[in-house]
PDB file of N, CA and C in Angstrom:
ATOM      1  N   MET A   1     106.338 134.817 151.187  1.00  0.00           N
ATOM      2  CA  MET A   1     106.963 134.322 149.783  1.00  0.00           C
ATOM      3  C   MET A   1     106.387 132.874 149.490  1.00  0.00           C
ATOM      4  N   SER A   2     106.558 132.087 150.879  1.00  0.00           N
ATOM      5  CA  SER A   2     105.989 130.594 150.239  1.00  0.00           C
ATOM      6  C   SER A   2     104.864 130.345 149.846  1.00  0.00           C
ATOM      7  N   GLU A   3     104.086 131.187 150.488  1.00  0.00           N
ATOM      8  CA  GLU A   3     102.411 131.414 149.994  1.00  0.00           C
ATOM      9  C   GLU A   3     102.213 131.558 148.406  1.00  0.00           C
ATOM     10  N   ALA A   4     102.820 132.713 148.070  1.00  0.00           N
ATOM     11  CA  ALA A   4     102.824 132.961 146.746  1.00  0.00           C
ATOM     12  C   ALA A   4     103.500 131.811 145.750  1.00  0.00           C
ATOM     13  N   ALA A   5     104.378 131.534 146.361  1.00  0.00           N
ATOM     14  CA  ALA A   5     105.074 130.238 145.273  1.00  0.00           C
ATOM     15  C   ALA A   5     103.982 129.107 145.311  1.00  0.00           C
ATOM     16  N   SER A   6     103.375 128.599 146.387  1.00  0.00           N
ATOM     17  CA  SER A   6     102.476 127.546 146.308  1.00  0.00           C
ATOM     18  C   SER A   6     101.389 128.014 145.403  1.00  0.00           C
ATOM     19  N   TYR A   7     100.956 129.387 145.581  1.00  0.00           N
ATOM     20  CA  TYR A   7      99.732 129.771 144.781  1.00  0.00           C
ATOM     21  C   TYR A   7     100.073 129.645 143.363  1.00  0.00           C
ATOM     22  N   LEU A   8     101.253 129.884 142.910  1.00  0.00           N
ATOM     23  CA  LEU A   8     101.698 130.074 141.562  1.00  0.00           C
ATOM     24  C   LEU A   8     101.925 128.897 141.181  1.00  0.00           C
ATOM     25  N   GLU A   9     102.419 127.713 141.841  1.00  0.00           N
ATOM     26  CA  GLU A   9     102.776 126.140 141.665  1.00  0.00           C
ATOM     27  C   GLU A   9     101.246 125.788 141.161  1.00  0.00           C
ATOM     28  N   GLY A  10     100.301 126.038 142.116  1.00  0.00           N
ATOM     29  CA  GLY A  10      98.875 125.670 141.701  1.00  0.00           C
ATOM     30  C   GLY A  10      98.415 126.129 140.410  1.00  0.00           C
ATOM     31  N   LEU A  11      98.505 127.539 140.288  1.00  0.00           N
ATOM     32  CA  LEU A  11      97.907 128.051 138.949  1.00  0.00           C
ATOM     33  C   LEU A  11      98.560 126.928 137.599  1.00  0.00           C
ATOM     34  N   LEU A  12      99.968 126.896 137.911  1.00  0.00           N
ATOM     35  CA  LEU A  12     100.593 126.329 136.639  1.00  0.00           C
ATOM     36  C   LEU A  12     100.104 124.915 136.588  1.00  0.00           C
ATOM     37  N   ARG A  13     100.134 124.083 137.786  1.00  0.00           N
ATOM     38  CA  ARG A  13      99.630 122.816 137.485  1.00  0.00           C
ATOM     39  C   ARG A  13      98.314 122.564 136.883  1.00  0.00           C
ATOM     40  N   GLU A  14      97.421 123.692 137.348  1.00  0.00           N
ATOM     41  CA  GLU A  14      96.133 123.667 136.578  1.00  0.00           C
ATOM     42  C   GLU A  14      96.026 124.184 135.150  1.00  0.00           C
ATOM     43  N   ALA A  15      96.922 124.770 134.718  1.00  0.00           N
ATOM     44  CA  ALA A  15      97.012 125.164 133.400  1.00  0.00           C
ATOM     45  C   ALA A  15      97.603 124.485 132.683  1.00  0.00           C
ATOM     46  N   LEU A  16      98.498 123.348 132.728  1.00  0.00           N
ATOM     47  CA  LEU A  16      99.316 122.452 132.275  1.00  0.00           C
ATOM     48  C   LEU A  16      99.007 121.111 132.482  1.00  0.00           C
ATOM     49  N   ILE A  17      97.486 120.861 132.723  1.00  0.00           N
ATOM     50  CA  ILE A  17      97.037 119.531 133.003  1.00  0.00           C
ATOM     51  C   ILE A  17      96.874 118.997 131.514  1.00  0.00           C
ATOM     52  N   PRO A  18      97.332 117.719 131.149  1.00  0.00           N
ATOM     53  CA  PRO A  18      97.650 117.207 129.714  1.00  0.00           C
ATOM     54  C   PRO A  18      96.039 117.099 129.427  1.00  0.00           C
ATOM     55  N   VAL A  19      95.773 117.340 128.142  1.00  0.00           N
ATOM     56  CA  VAL A  19      94.806 117.328 127.524  1.00  0.00           C
ATOM     57  C   VAL A  19      94.372 116.146 126.371  1.00  0.00           C
ATOM     58  N   ASP A  20      93.729 115.148 126.259  1.00  0.00           N
ATOM     59  CA  ASP A  20      93.678 114.293 125.044  1.00  0.00           C
ATOM     60  C   ASP A  20      93.034 114.754 124.057  1.00  0.00           C
ATOM     61  N   PRO A  21      93.679 114.671 122.904  1.00  0.00           N
ATOM     62  CA  PRO A  21      92.942 114.967 121.508  1.00  0.00           C
ATOM     63  C   PRO A  21      91.652 114.385 121.328  1.00  0.00           C
ATOM     64  N   PRO A  22      90.867 114.928 120.471  1.00  0.00           N
ATOM     65  CA  PRO A  22      89.457 114.314 120.618  1.00  0.00           C
ATOM     66  C   PRO A  22      89.985 112.853 119.453  1.00  0.00           C
ATOM     67  N   ASP A  23      89.085 112.063 119.613  1.00  0.00           N
ATOM     68  CA  ASP A  23      89.272 110.636 118.781  1.00  0.00           C
ATOM     69  C   ASP A  23      88.819 111.178 117.331  1.00  0.00           C
ATOM     70  N   GLU A  24      88.254 111.726 116.757  1.00  0.00           N
ATOM     71  CA  GLU A  24      88.063 111.957 115.283  1.00  0.00           C
ATOM     72  C   GLU A  24      89.482 112.920 114.706  1.00  0.00           C
ATOM     73  N   LEU A  25      90.128 113.486 115.601  1.00  0.00           N
ATOM     74  CA  LEU A  25      91.375 113.894 115.003  1.00  0.00           C
ATOM     75  C   LEU A  25      92.279 112.861 114.670  1.00  0.00           C
ATOM     76  N   ALA A  26      92.356 111.789 115.162  1.00  0.00           N
ATOM     77  CA  ALA A  26      93.190 110.496 114.858  1.00  0.00           C
ATOM     78  C   ALA A  26      92.668 110.088 113.619  1.00  0.00           C
ATOM     79  N   LEU A  27      91.445 109.754 113.506  1.00  0.00           N
ATOM     80  CA  LEU A  27      90.894 109.232 111.967  1.00  0.00           C
ATOM     81  C   LEU A  27      91.364 110.209 111.100  1.00  0.00           C
ATOM     82  N   ARG A  28      91.134 111.877 111.519  1.00  0.00           N
ATOM     83  CA  ARG A  28      91.057 112.611 110.103  1.00  0.00           C
ATOM     84  C   ARG A  28      92.730 112.741 109.953  1.00  0.00           C
ATOM     85  N   LEU A  29      93.677 112.491 110.893  1.00  0.00           N
ATOM     86  CA  LEU A  29      94.913 112.320 110.426  1.00  0.00           C
ATOM     87  C   LEU A  29      95.228 111.386 109.600  1.00  0.00           C
ATOM     88  N   GLU A  30      94.621 109.885 110.092  1.00  0.00           N
ATOM     89  CA  GLU A  30      95.021 108.932 109.257  1.00  0.00           C
ATOM     90  C   GLU A  30      94.594 109.080 107.917  1.00  0.00           C
ATOM     91  N   GLY A  31      93.387 109.426 107.849  1.00  0.00           N
ATOM     92  CA  GLY A  31      92.523 109.611 106.204  1.00  0.00           C
ATOM     93  C   GLY A  31      93.716 110.513 105.727  1.00  0.00           C
ATOM     94  N   ALA A  32      94.115 111.644 106.180  1.00  0.00           N
ATOM     95  CA  ALA A  32      95.096 112.575 105.513  1.00  0.00           C
ATOM     96  C   ALA A  32      96.333 111.913 105.377  1.00  0.00           C
ATOM     97  N   LEU A  33      96.848 111.352 106.025  1.00  0.00           N
ATOM     98  CA  LEU A  33      98.080 110.401 105.624  1.00  0.00           C
ATOM     99  C   LEU A  33      97.984 109.280 104.644  1.00  0.00           C
ATOM    100  N   THR A  34      96.686 108.527 104.528  1.00  0.00           N
ATOM    101  CA  THR A  34      96.603 107.501 103.648  1.00  0.00           C
ATOM    102  C   THR A  34      96.375 108.310 102.255  1.00  0.00           C
ATOM    103  N   SER A  35      95.608 109.527 102.546  1.00  0.00           N
ATOM    104  CA  SER A  35      95.467 110.154 101.238  1.00  0.00           C
ATOM    105  C   SER A  35      96.875 110.686 100.495  1.00  0.00           C
ATOM    106  N   ILE A  36      97.603 111.235 101.278  1.00  0.00           N
ATOM    107  CA  ILE A  36      99.052 111.616 100.906  1.00  0.00           C
ATOM    108  C   ILE A  36      99.707 110.225 100.082  1.00  0.00           C
ATOM    109  N   THR A  37      99.685 109.245 101.291  1.00  0.00           N
ATOM    110  CA  THR A  37     100.731 108.002 100.706  1.00  0.00           C
ATOM    111  C   THR A  37     100.093 107.562  99.407  1.00  0.00           C
ATOM    112  N   GLU A  38      98.618 107.480  99.474  1.00  0.00           N
ATOM    113  CA  GLU A  38      97.997 107.201  97.782  1.00  0.00           C
ATOM    114  C   GLU A  38      98.661 108.159  96.636  1.00  0.00           C
ATOM    115  N   MET A  39      98.393 109.381  96.801  1.00  0.00           N
ATOM    116  CA  MET A  39      98.666 110.299  95.637  1.00  0.00           C
ATOM    117  C   MET A  39     100.222 109.994  95.443  1.00  0.00           C
ATOM    118  N   ALA A  40     100.988 109.894  96.332  1.00  0.00           N
ATOM    119  CA  ALA A  40     102.756 109.911  96.165  1.00  0.00           C
ATOM    120  C   ALA A  40     102.876 108.542  95.322  1.00  0.00           C
ATOM    121  N   ALA A  41     102.149 107.551  95.868  1.00  0.00           N
ATOM    122  CA  ALA A  41     102.116 106.256  94.985  1.00  0.00           C
ATOM    123  C   ALA A  41     101.874 106.405  93.644  1.00  0.00           C
ATOM    124  N   ASP A  42     100.572 106.882  93.459  1.00  0.00           N
ATOM    125  CA  ASP A  42     100.186 107.249  91.882  1.00  0.00           C
ATOM    126  C   ASP A  42     101.067 108.170  91.130  1.00  0.00           C
ATOM    127  N   GLU A  43     101.631 109.032  91.607  1.00  0.00           N
ATOM    128  CA  GLU A  43     102.816 109.812  91.109  1.00  0.00           C
ATOM    129  C   GLU A  43     103.735 109.006  90.638  1.00  0.00           C
ATOM    130  N   LEU A  44     104.458 108.126  91.361  1.00  0.00           N
ATOM    131  CA  LEU A  44     105.217 107.098  91.084  1.00  0.00           C
ATOM    132  C   LEU A  44     105.187 106.398  89.989  1.00  0.00           C
ATOM    133  N   GLU A  45     103.757 105.610  90.101  1.00  0.00           N
ATOM    134  CA  GLU A  45     103.353 104.862  89.339  1.00  0.00           C
ATOM    135  C   GLU A  45     103.286 105.548  87.768  1.00  0.00           C
ATOM    136  N   ALA A  46     102.935 106.817  87.616  1.00  0.00           N
ATOM    137  CA  ALA A  46     102.715 107.270  86.533  1.00  0.00           C
ATOM    138  C   ALA A  46     103.954 107.677  85.908  1.00  0.00           C
ATOM    139  N   TRP A  47     105.050 107.739  86.623  1.00  0.00           N
ATOM    140  CA  TRP A  47     106.441 108.398  86.340  1.00  0.00           C
ATOM    141  C   TRP A  47     106.874 107.372  85.540  1.00  0.00           C
ATOM    142  N   GLU A  48     107.639 107.600  84.451  1.00  0.00           N
ATOM    143  CA  GLU A  48     108.176 106.865  83.098  1.00  0.00           C
ATOM    144  C   GLU A  48     109.479 106.872  83.260  1.00  0.00           C
ATOM    145  N   LEU A  49     110.111 105.755  83.288  1.00  0.00           N
ATOM    146  CA  LEU A  49     111.796 105.274  83.517  1.00  0.00           C
ATOM    147  C   LEU A  49     112.279 106.156  82.342  1.00  0.00           C
ATOM    148  N   SER A  50     111.964 106.069  81.074  1.00  0.00           N
ATOM    149  CA  SER A  50     112.777 106.938  80.216  1.00  0.00           C
ATOM    150  C   SER A  50     112.950 108.211  80.545  1.00  0.00           C
ATOM    151  N   ALA A  51     112.301 108.973  81.263  1.00  0.00           N
ATOM    152  CA  ALA A  51     112.370 110.682  81.604  1.00  0.00           C
ATOM    153  C   ALA A  51     113.577 110.806  82.426  1.00  0.00           C
ATOM    154  N   MET A  52     113.959 109.403  83.320  1.00  0.00           N
ATOM    155  CA  MET A  52     115.139 109.912  83.898  1.00  0.00           C
ATOM    156  C   MET A  52     116.215 110.249  83.415  1.00  0.00           C
ATOM    157  N   ARG A  53     116.485 109.956  82.164  1.00  0.00           N
ATOM    158  CA  ARG A  53     117.413 110.490  81.341  1.00  0.00           C
ATOM    159  C   ARG A  53     117.911 112.035  81.506  1.00  0.00           C
ATOM    160  N   ASP A  54     117.033 112.769  81.682  1.00  0.00           N
ATOM    161  CA  ASP A  54     116.934 114.395  81.910  1.00  0.00           C
ATOM    162  C   ASP A  54     116.952 114.935  83.416  1.00  0.00           C
ATOM    163  N   PRO A  55     118.006 115.044  84.143  1.00  0.00           N
ATOM    164  CA  PRO A  55     118.007 115.299  85.666  1.00  0.00           C
ATOM    165  C   PRO A  55     116.680 116.461  85.852  1.00  0.00           C
ATOM    166  N   ARG A  56     116.360 117.017  84.696  1.00  0.00           N
ATOM    167  CA  ARG A  56     115.266 118.091  85.443  1.00  0.00           C
ATOM    168  C   ARG A  56     114.166 117.639  85.584  1.00  0.00           C
ATOM    169  N   ASN A  57     113.648 116.537  85.330  1.00  0.00           N
ATOM    170  CA  ASN A  57     112.569 115.433  85.598  1.00  0.00           C
ATOM    171  C   ASN A  57     112.665 114.515  86.740  1.00  0.00           C
ATOM    172  N   TRP A  58     113.505 114.968  87.634  1.00  0.00           N
ATOM    173  CA  TRP A  58     113.834 114.050  88.783  1.00  0.00           C
ATOM    174  C   TRP A  58     113.028 114.479  90.033  1.00  0.00           C
ATOM    175  N   ALA A  59     112.952 116.034  89.945  1.00  0.00           N
ATOM    176  CA  ALA A  59     112.005 116.375  91.211  1.00  0.00           C
ATOM    177  C   ALA A  59     110.749 115.793  91.711  1.00  0.00           C
ATOM    178  N   ARG A  60     109.995 115.732  90.391  1.00  0.00           N
ATOM    179  CA  ARG A  60     108.532 115.001  90.908  1.00  0.00           C
ATOM    180  C   ARG A  60     108.624 113.824  91.745  1.00  0.00           C
ATOM    181  N   PRO A  61     109.188 112.712  90.995  1.00  0.00           N
ATOM    182  CA  PRO A  61     109.563 111.594  91.525  1.00  0.00           C
ATOM    183  C   PRO A  61     110.041 111.487  92.855  1.00  0.00           C
ATOM    184  N   ALA A  62     111.211 112.168  92.846  1.00  0.00           N
ATOM    185  CA  ALA A  62     111.887 112.214  94.207  1.00  0.00           C
ATOM    186  C   ALA A  62     110.973 112.896  95.403  1.00  0.00           C
ATOM    187  N   THR A  63     110.392 114.078  95.089  1.00  0.00           N
ATOM    188  CA  THR A  63     109.643 114.496  96.199  1.00  0.00           C
ATOM    189  C   THR A  63     108.200 113.529  96.270  1.00  0.00           C
ATOM    190  N   ALA A  64     107.606 112.936  95.425  1.00  0.00           N
ATOM    191  CA  ALA A  64     106.662 111.960  95.808  1.00  0.00           C
ATOM    192  C   ALA A  64     107.301 110.906  96.644  1.00  0.00           C
ATOM    193  N   LEU A  65     108.415 110.358  96.268  1.00  0.00           N
ATOM    194  CA  LEU A  65     109.174 109.380  97.263  1.00  0.00           C
ATOM    195  C   LEU A  65     109.420 109.698  98.649  1.00  0.00           C
ATOM    196  N   LEU A  66     109.743 110.777  98.689  1.00  0.00           N
ATOM    197  CA  LEU A  66     110.052 111.481  99.956  1.00  0.00           C
ATOM    198  C   LEU A  66     108.977 111.645 101.012  1.00  0.00           C
ATOM    199  N   VAL A  67     107.827 112.407 100.461  1.00  0.00           N
ATOM    200  CA  VAL A  67     106.613 112.659 100.759  1.00  0.00           C
ATOM    201  C   VAL A  67     105.696 111.537 101.316  1.00  0.00           C
ATOM    202  N   GLY A  68     105.925 110.411 100.071  1.00  0.00           N
ATOM    203  CA  GLY A  68     105.013 109.006 100.276  1.00  0.00           C
ATOM    204  C   GLY A  68     105.791 108.265 101.453  1.00  0.00           C
ATOM    205  N   THR A  69     106.971 108.510 101.478  1.00  0.00           N
ATOM    206  CA  THR A  69     107.912 107.404 102.655  1.00  0.00           C
ATOM    207  C   THR A  69     107.481 107.825 103.955  1.00  0.00           C
ATOM    208  N   ALA A  70     107.510 109.108 103.987  1.00  0.00           N
ATOM    209  CA  ALA A  70     107.152 110.197 105.358  1.00  0.00           C
ATOM    210  C   ALA A  70     105.783 109.845 105.680  1.00  0.00           C
ATOM    211  N   ALA A  71     104.595 109.941 104.889  1.00  0.00           N
ATOM    212  CA  ALA A  71     103.282 109.687 105.405  1.00  0.00           C
ATOM    213  C   ALA A  71     103.188 108.303 105.721  1.00  0.00           C
ATOM    214  N   GLY A  72     103.745 107.677 105.112  1.00  0.00           N
ATOM    215  CA  GLY A  72     103.609 106.080 105.236  1.00  0.00           C
ATOM    216  C   GLY A  72     104.127 105.805 106.524  1.00  0.00           C
ATOM    217  N   GLY A  73     105.680 106.172 106.755  1.00  0.00           N
ATOM    218  CA  GLY A  73     106.037 106.177 108.139  1.00  0.00           C
ATOM    219  C   GLY A  73     105.306 106.514 109.314  1.00  0.00           C
ATOM    220  N   ALA A  74     104.856 107.726 109.013  1.00  0.00           N
ATOM    221  CA  ALA A  74     103.892 108.245 110.005  1.00  0.00           C
ATOM    222  C   ALA A  74     102.488 107.659 110.144  1.00  0.00           C
ATOM    223  N   LEU A  75     101.970 106.955 109.359  1.00  0.00           N
ATOM    224  CA  LEU A  75     100.659 106.128 109.358  1.00  0.00           C
ATOM    225  C   LEU A  75     101.081 104.910 110.066  1.00  0.00           C
ATOM    226  N   VAL A  76     102.279 104.187 109.612  1.00  0.00           N
ATOM    227  CA  VAL A  76     102.492 103.178 110.643  1.00  0.00           C
ATOM    228  C   VAL A  76     102.244 103.146 112.067  1.00  0.00           C
ATOM    229  N   LEU A  77     103.123 104.240 112.138  1.00  0.00           N
ATOM    230  CA  LEU A  77     103.499 104.732 113.715  1.00  0.00           C
ATOM    231  C   LEU A  77     102.185 105.144 114.479  1.00  0.00           C
ATOM    232  N   LEU A  78     101.344 105.978 113.525  1.00  0.00           N
ATOM    233  CA  LEU A  78      99.985 106.160 114.096  1.00  0.00           C
ATOM    234  C   LEU A  78      98.881 104.745 114.520  1.00  0.00           C
ATOM    235  N   ARG A  79      99.220 103.906 113.918  1.00  0.00           N
ATOM    236  CA  ARG A  79      98.146 102.856 113.905  1.00  0.00           C
ATOM    237  C   ARG A  79      98.820 101.796 114.829  1.00  0.00           C
ATOM    238  N   ALA A  80      99.946 101.817 114.902  1.00  0.00           N
ATOM    239  CA  ALA A  80     100.802 100.961 115.788  1.00  0.00           C
ATOM    240  C   ALA A  80     100.404 101.477 117.016  1.00  0.00           C
ATOM    241  N   ARG A  81     100.520 102.907 117.267  1.00  0.00           N
ATOM    242  CA  ARG A  81     100.351 103.345 118.538  1.00  0.00           C
ATOM    243  C   ARG A  81      98.747 103.234 119.076  1.00  0.00           C
ATOM    244  N   ARG A  82      97.938 103.471 118.039  1.00  0.00           N
ATOM    245  CA  ARG A  82      96.745 103.174 118.650  1.00  0.00           C
ATOM    246  C   ARG A  82      96.464 101.737 119.035  1.00  0.00           C
ATOM    247  N   ARG A  83      96.966 100.662 118.271  1.00  0.00           N
ATOM    248  CA  ARG A  83      96.591  99.391 118.590  1.00  0.00           C
ATOM    249  C   ARG A  83      97.263  99.408 120.307  1.00  0.00           C
ATOM    250  N   ALA A  84      98.360  99.977 120.394  1.00  0.00           N
ATOM    251  CA  ALA A  84      99.229  99.638 121.582  1.00  0.00           C
ATOM    252  C   ALA A  84      98.440 100.177 122.858  1.00  0.00           C
ATOM    253  N   GLN A  85      97.642 101.333 122.360  1.00  0.00           N
ATOM    254  CA  GLN A  85      96.727 101.876 123.495  1.00  0.00           C
ATOM    255  C   GLN A  85      95.662 101.444 123.737  1.00  0.00           C
ATOM    256  N   GLN A  86      95.114 100.578 122.869  1.00  0.00           N
ATOM    257  CA  GLN A  86      93.879  99.700 123.128  1.00  0.00           C
ATOM    258  C   GLN A  86      94.126  98.659 123.636  1.00  0.00           C
ATOM    259  N   GLN A  87      95.529  98.021 124.098  1.00  0.00           N
ATOM    260  CA  GLN A  87      95.993  96.703 124.350  1.00  0.00           C
ATOM    261  C   GLN A  87      96.907  97.541 125.728  1.00  0.00           C
ATOM    262  N   PRO A  88      96.542  97.955 126.791  1.00  0.00           N
ATOM    263  CA  PRO A  88      97.641  98.843 127.631  1.00  0.00           C
ATOM    264  C   PRO A  88      98.150  97.585 128.399  1.00  0.00           C
ATOM    265  N   THR A  89      99.419  97.491 128.549  1.00  0.00           N
ATOM    266  CA  THR A  89     100.275  96.675 129.506  1.00  0.00           C
ATOM    267  C   THR A  89     100.834  97.277 130.418  1.00  0.00           C
ATOM    268  N   GLY A  90     101.691  98.526 130.058  1.00  0.00           N
ATOM    269  CA  GLY A  90     102.460  99.071 131.280  1.00  0.00           C
ATOM    270  C   GLY A  90     103.725  98.608 131.150  1.00  0.00           C
ATOM    271  N   VAL A  91     104.507  99.663 131.225  1.00  0.00           N
ATOM    272  CA  VAL A  91     106.027  99.216 131.359  1.00  0.00           C
ATOM    273  C   VAL A  91     106.232  99.206 132.769  1.00  0.00           C
ATOM    274  N   ALA A  92     105.772  99.936 133.624  1.00  0.00           N
ATOM    275  CA  ALA A  92     106.100 100.122 134.969  1.00  0.00           C
ATOM    276  C   ALA A  92     106.063  98.762 135.587  1.00  0.00           C
ATOM    277  N   GLY A  93     106.722  98.347 136.304  1.00  0.00           N
ATOM    278  CA  GLY A  93     106.770  96.742 136.852  1.00  0.00           C
ATOM    279  C   GLY A  93     107.392  95.818 136.145  1.00  0.00           C
ATOM    280  N   LEU A  94     107.737  95.987 134.823  1.00  0.00           N
ATOM    281  CA  LEU A  94     107.932  94.713 133.969  1.00  0.00           C
ATOM    282  C   LEU A  94     109.486  94.487 133.954  1.00  0.00           C
ATOM    283  N   HIS A  95     109.576  93.432 133.914  1.00  0.00           N
ATOM    284  CA  HIS A  95     111.114  93.064 134.224  1.00  0.00           C
ATOM    285  C   HIS A  95     111.240  92.679 132.768  1.00  0.00           C
ATOM    286  N   LEU A  96     112.881  92.567 132.825  1.00  0.00           N
ATOM    287  CA  LEU A  96     113.576  92.552 131.094  1.00  0.00           C
ATOM    288  C   LEU A  96     113.074  91.593 129.969  1.00  0.00           C
ATOM    289  N   PRO A  97     112.736  90.111 130.532  1.00  0.00           N
ATOM    290  CA  PRO A  97     111.879  89.474 129.495  1.00  0.00           C
ATOM    291  C   PRO A  97     110.514  90.089 129.108  1.00  0.00           C
ATOM    292  N   ALA A  98     109.875  90.622 130.130  1.00  0.00           N
ATOM    293  CA  ALA A  98     108.874  91.138 129.460  1.00  0.00           C
ATOM    294  C   ALA A  98     108.899  92.115 128.929  1.00  0.00           C
ATOM    295  N   LEU A  99     109.451  92.972 129.144  1.00  0.00           N
ATOM    296  CA  LEU A  99     110.013  94.361 128.308  1.00  0.00           C
ATOM    297  C   LEU A  99     110.465  93.983 126.953  1.00  0.00           C
ATOM    298  N   GLY A 100     111.386  92.824 126.851  1.00  0.00           N
ATOM    299  CA  GLY A 100     111.587  92.175 125.531  1.00  0.00           C
ATOM    300  C   GLY A 100     110.560  92.061 124.732  1.00  0.00           C
ATOM    301  N   ARG A 101     109.409  90.963 125.240  1.00  0.00           N
ATOM    302  CA  ARG A 101     108.331  90.658 124.724  1.00  0.00           C
ATOM    303  C   ARG A 101     107.428  91.785 124.059  1.00  0.00           C
ATOM    304  N   SER A 102     107.208  92.909 124.944  1.00  0.00           N
ATOM    305  CA  SER A 102     106.568  94.036 124.656  1.00  0.00           C
ATOM    306  C   SER A 102     107.303  94.799 123.167  1.00  0.00           C
ATOM    307  N   ALA A 103     108.638  95.014 123.333  1.00  0.00           N
ATOM    308  CA  ALA A 103     109.146  95.323 122.347  1.00  0.00           C
ATOM    309  C   ALA A 103     109.000  94.760 120.976  1.00  0.00           C
ATOM    310  N   GLU A 104     109.102  93.186 120.687  1.00  0.00           N
ATOM    311  CA  GLU A 104     108.867  92.353 119.815  1.00  0.00           C
ATOM    312  C   GLU A 104     107.190  92.580 119.493  1.00  0.00           C
ATOM    313  N   SER A 105     106.724  93.002 120.280  1.00  0.00           N
ATOM    314  CA  SER A 105     105.176  92.850 119.833  1.00  0.00           C
ATOM    315  C   SER A 105     105.059  94.305 119.240  1.00  0.00           C
ATOM    316  N   ALA A 106     105.724  95.190 119.542  1.00  0.00           N
ATOM    317  CA  ALA A 106     105.375  96.582 118.744  1.00  0.00           C
ATOM    318  C   ALA A 106     106.487  96.412 117.715  1.00  0.00           C
ATOM    319  N   LEU A 107     107.424  95.738 117.335  1.00  0.00           N
ATOM    320  CA  LEU A 107     107.931  95.549 115.968  1.00  0.00           C
ATOM    321  C   LEU A 107     106.974  94.677 115.184  1.00  0.00           C
ATOM    322  N   ARG A 108     106.277  93.638 115.763  1.00  0.00           N
ATOM    323  CA  ARG A 108     105.408  92.781 114.638  1.00  0.00           C
ATOM    324  C   ARG A 108     104.172  93.940 114.249  1.00  0.00           C
ATOM    325  N   ASP A 109     103.959  94.701 115.365  1.00  0.00           N
ATOM    326  CA  ASP A 109     102.683  95.790 114.828  1.00  0.00           C
ATOM    327  C   ASP A 109     102.972  96.611 113.420  1.00  0.00           C
ATOM    328  N   LEU A 110     104.570  97.191 113.812  1.00  0.00           N
ATOM    329  CA  LEU A 110     105.030  97.995 112.814  1.00  0.00           C
ATOM    330  C   LEU A 110     105.190  97.269 111.618  1.00  0.00           C
ATOM    331  N   GLU A 111     105.748  95.923 111.741  1.00  0.00           N
ATOM    332  CA  GLU A 111     105.787  95.411 110.360  1.00  0.00           C
ATOM    333  C   GLU A 111     104.192  95.027 109.634  1.00  0.00           C
ATOM    334  N   ARG A 112     103.336  94.620 110.566  1.00  0.00           N
ATOM    335  CA  ARG A 112     102.069  94.448 109.949  1.00  0.00           C
ATOM    336  C   ARG A 112     101.268  95.673 109.406  1.00  0.00           C
ATOM    337  N   GLU A 113     101.404  96.613 109.898  1.00  0.00           N
ATOM    338  CA  GLU A 113     101.123  97.959 109.301  1.00  0.00           C
ATOM    339  C   GLU A 113     101.651  98.301 108.092  1.00  0.00           C
ATOM    340  N   ALA A 114     102.829  98.225 107.994  1.00  0.00           N
ATOM    341  CA  ALA A 114     103.881  98.382 106.868  1.00  0.00           C
ATOM    342  C   ALA A 114     103.414  97.611 105.635  1.00  0.00           C
ATOM    343  N   ARG A 115     103.317  96.456 106.033  1.00  0.00           N
ATOM    344  CA  ARG A 115     102.859  95.485 104.867  1.00  0.00           C
ATOM    345  C   ARG A 115     101.526  95.703 104.400  1.00  0.00           C
ATOM    346  N   LYS A 116     100.552  96.197 105.428  1.00  0.00           N
ATOM    347  CA  LYS A 116      99.142  96.583 104.803  1.00  0.00           C
ATOM    348  C   LYS A 116      99.408  97.858 103.755  1.00  0.00           C
ATOM    349  N   LEU A 117     100.287  98.992 104.272  1.00  0.00           N
ATOM    350  CA  LEU A 117     100.346  99.915 103.044  1.00  0.00           C
ATOM    351  C   LEU A 117     101.159  99.629 102.057  1.00  0.00           C
ATOM    352  N   LEU A 118     102.134  98.590 101.822  1.00  0.00           N
ATOM    353  CA  LEU A 118     102.582  98.350 100.759  1.00  0.00           C
ATOM    354  C   LEU A 118     101.995  97.224 100.223  1.00  0.00           C
ATOM    355  N   GLY A 119     101.099  96.752 100.448  1.00  0.00           N
ATOM    356  CA  GLY A 119     100.443  95.531  99.710  1.00  0.00           C
ATOM    357  C   GLY A 119     100.704  94.508  99.881  1.00  0.00           C
ATOM    358  N   ASP A 120     101.604  93.757 100.725  1.00  0.00           N
ATOM    359  CA  ASP A 120     102.155  92.721 100.726  1.00  0.00           C
ATOM    360  C   ASP A 120     103.026  92.307  99.643  1.00  0.00           C
ATOM    361  N   ARG A 121     104.010  93.229  99.404  1.00  0.00           N
ATOM    362  CA  ARG A 121     104.934  93.083  98.416  1.00  0.00           C
ATOM    363  C   ARG A 121     106.110  92.563  98.868  1.00  0.00           C
TER     364      ARG A 121
END
């Protein structure tokens, strides 16, 4: 029974080896998120404030706001993660002050990417 269990465990280890996605996938995802964010911003720019008096007109701007916010947030996280992967520091073995500096750096990256998306508003 032990031999069969170890054989099964070996098969599972082989089958569950992590696979990195292709580099072009991240670029395609970034392009799609950028496009969605820009379309949502265009929709909100075209929206007229006088149309808000009628609640039936609220659906499109609300949807554009939600979708644009979600896509923009995902884009910020994707870019910050890519930047963090390009500069690996590793968390194992870091003491508390170094971990704090690492967290501050990650927050600065998120802020920088958010400012890029919002156009330094």
